Amino acid sequence: MLVLEGLLPFLSPPQWRALFAQAAKLTDGQLRFLGLTALVVGCAILLVAFD
């Protein structure tokens, strides 16, 4: 997971800063929704991969 998270700052630091700045402006509800979505997608990928 950290490999994927490290790709954007390594390949394009300006885009990573812009994305991080936009994420900092999100409301708590929006961040929670994104976190929940990532959690569900990750679990679905694990279920498909190890089924």
N, C-alpha and C. Protein backbone atom coordinates (compact mmCIF):
# COMPACT_ATOMS: atom_id res chain seq x y z
N MET A 1 0.82 -1.18 0.00
CA MET A 1 0.00 0.00 0.00
C MET A 1 0.87 1.26 0.00
N LEU A 2 1.91 1.27 0.79
CA LEU A 2 2.77 2.45 0.84
C LEU A 2 3.46 2.70 -0.49
N VAL A 3 3.68 1.64 -1.27
CA VAL A 3 4.29 1.82 -2.59
C VAL A 3 3.35 2.66 -3.46
N LEU A 4 2.07 2.34 -3.44
CA LEU A 4 1.10 3.09 -4.23
C LEU A 4 0.97 4.53 -3.72
N GLU A 5 0.97 4.70 -2.42
CA GLU A 5 0.84 6.03 -1.84
C GLU A 5 2.07 6.89 -2.13
N GLY A 6 3.21 6.27 -2.33
CA GLY A 6 4.43 7.02 -2.57
C GLY A 6 4.67 7.37 -4.04
N LEU A 7 3.89 6.78 -4.93
CA LEU A 7 4.12 7.03 -6.36
C LEU A 7 3.86 8.48 -6.75
N LEU A 8 2.75 9.05 -6.36
CA LEU A 8 2.43 10.41 -6.79
C LEU A 8 3.43 11.44 -6.28
N PRO A 9 3.78 11.44 -4.98
CA PRO A 9 4.77 12.43 -4.56
C PRO A 9 6.14 12.22 -5.22
N PHE A 10 6.47 10.99 -5.56
CA PHE A 10 7.75 10.71 -6.21
C PHE A 10 7.73 11.18 -7.66
N LEU A 11 6.66 10.87 -8.38
CA LEU A 11 6.59 11.18 -9.80
C LEU A 11 6.23 12.64 -10.10
N SER A 12 5.38 13.23 -9.25
CA SER A 12 4.93 14.60 -9.53
C SER A 12 4.63 15.34 -8.22
N PRO A 13 5.65 15.85 -7.57
CA PRO A 13 5.44 16.57 -6.30
C PRO A 13 4.46 17.74 -6.40
N PRO A 14 4.47 18.55 -7.48
CA PRO A 14 3.50 19.66 -7.53
C PRO A 14 2.04 19.19 -7.55
N GLN A 15 1.77 18.12 -8.31
CA GLN A 15 0.40 17.59 -8.34
C GLN A 15 0.02 17.02 -6.99
N TRP A 16 0.95 16.39 -6.31
CA TRP A 16 0.67 15.83 -4.99
C TRP A 16 0.33 16.95 -4.01
N ARG A 17 1.08 18.05 -4.05
CA ARG A 17 0.79 19.19 -3.17
C ARG A 17 -0.59 19.76 -3.45
N ALA A 18 -0.94 19.88 -4.73
CA ALA A 18 -2.25 20.41 -5.09
C ALA A 18 -3.36 19.48 -4.62
N LEU A 19 -3.17 18.17 -4.79
CA LEU A 19 -4.17 17.21 -4.34
C LEU A 19 -4.31 17.25 -2.82
N PHE A 20 -3.20 17.35 -2.12
CA PHE A 20 -3.21 17.40 -0.66
C PHE A 20 -3.90 18.67 -0.17
N ALA A 21 -3.66 19.79 -0.86
CA ALA A 21 -4.31 21.06 -0.49
C ALA A 21 -5.81 20.97 -0.69
N GLN A 22 -6.25 20.33 -1.77
CA GLN A 22 -7.68 20.15 -2.00
C GLN A 22 -8.29 19.24 -0.95
N ALA A 23 -7.59 18.19 -0.58
CA ALA A 23 -8.11 17.25 0.44
C ALA A 23 -8.25 17.95 1.78
N ALA A 24 -7.36 18.88 2.08
CA ALA A 24 -7.42 19.60 3.35
C ALA A 24 -8.64 20.49 3.44
N LYS A 25 -9.22 20.85 2.31
CA LYS A 25 -10.40 21.72 2.27
C LYS A 25 -11.72 20.95 2.39
N LEU A 26 -11.66 19.63 2.32
CA LEU A 26 -12.88 18.83 2.40
C LEU A 26 -13.46 18.87 3.81
N THR A 27 -14.77 18.73 3.88
CA THR A 27 -15.43 18.68 5.19
C THR A 27 -15.19 17.31 5.81
N ASP A 28 -15.49 17.20 7.10
CA ASP A 28 -15.33 15.92 7.79
C ASP A 28 -16.20 14.84 7.14
N GLY A 29 -17.41 15.20 6.77
CA GLY A 29 -18.32 14.24 6.14
C GLY A 29 -17.78 13.74 4.81
N GLN A 30 -17.19 14.63 4.02
CA GLN A 30 -16.62 14.23 2.74
C GLN A 30 -15.43 13.31 2.93
N LEU A 31 -14.59 13.62 3.91
CA LEU A 31 -13.44 12.77 4.20
C LEU A 31 -13.88 11.39 4.68
N ARG A 32 -14.90 11.38 5.53
CA ARG A 32 -15.42 10.09 6.01
C ARG A 32 -15.97 9.26 4.86
N PHE A 33 -16.69 9.91 3.95
CA PHE A 33 -17.23 9.19 2.79
C PHE A 33 -16.12 8.62 1.93
N LEU A 34 -15.08 9.40 1.68
CA LEU A 34 -13.94 8.90 0.90
C LEU A 34 -13.26 7.74 1.61
N GLY A 35 -13.10 7.86 2.92
CA GLY A 35 -12.49 6.77 3.68
C GLY A 35 -13.32 5.51 3.64
N LEU A 36 -14.63 5.65 3.79
CA LEU A 36 -15.53 4.50 3.72
C LEU A 36 -15.49 3.86 2.34
N THR A 37 -15.49 4.69 1.32
CA THR A 37 -15.43 4.18 -0.06
C THR A 37 -14.14 3.40 -0.29
N ALA A 38 -13.01 3.95 0.16
CA ALA A 38 -11.73 3.26 0.01
C ALA A 38 -11.73 1.94 0.77
N LEU A 39 -12.33 1.94 1.95
CA LEU A 39 -12.41 0.72 2.75
C LEU A 39 -13.22 -0.36 2.05
N VAL A 40 -14.38 0.01 1.51
CA VAL A 40 -15.24 -0.95 0.83
C VAL A 40 -14.57 -1.48 -0.43
N VAL A 41 -13.97 -0.60 -1.20
CA VAL A 41 -13.29 -1.03 -2.43
C VAL A 41 -12.11 -1.95 -2.09
N GLY A 42 -11.35 -1.60 -1.07
CA GLY A 42 -10.23 -2.45 -0.66
C GLY A 42 -10.68 -3.82 -0.21
N CYS A 43 -11.75 -3.88 0.56
CA CYS A 43 -12.28 -5.18 1.01
C CYS A 43 -12.78 -5.99 -0.18
N ALA A 44 -13.44 -5.33 -1.12
CA ALA A 44 -13.93 -6.04 -2.30
C ALA A 44 -12.77 -6.62 -3.12
N ILE A 45 -11.71 -5.85 -3.25
CA ILE A 45 -10.54 -6.35 -3.99
C ILE A 45 -9.93 -7.54 -3.28
N LEU A 46 -9.84 -7.48 -1.96
CA LEU A 46 -9.30 -8.63 -1.20
C LEU A 46 -10.19 -9.85 -1.35
N LEU A 47 -11.50 -9.67 -1.30
CA LEU A 47 -12.41 -10.79 -1.44
C LEU A 47 -12.29 -11.44 -2.82
N VAL A 48 -12.15 -10.63 -3.85
CA VAL A 48 -12.02 -11.17 -5.21
C VAL A 48 -10.66 -11.83 -5.38
N ALA A 49 -9.62 -11.21 -4.85
CA ALA A 49 -8.27 -11.73 -5.04
C ALA A 49 -8.03 -13.05 -4.31
N PHE A 50 -8.64 -13.20 -3.14
CA PHE A 50 -8.38 -14.39 -2.33
C PHE A 50 -9.55 -15.35 -2.30
N ASP A 51 -10.43 -15.25 -3.25
CA ASP A 51 -11.58 -16.16 -3.30
C ASP A 51 -11.26 -17.40 -4.09
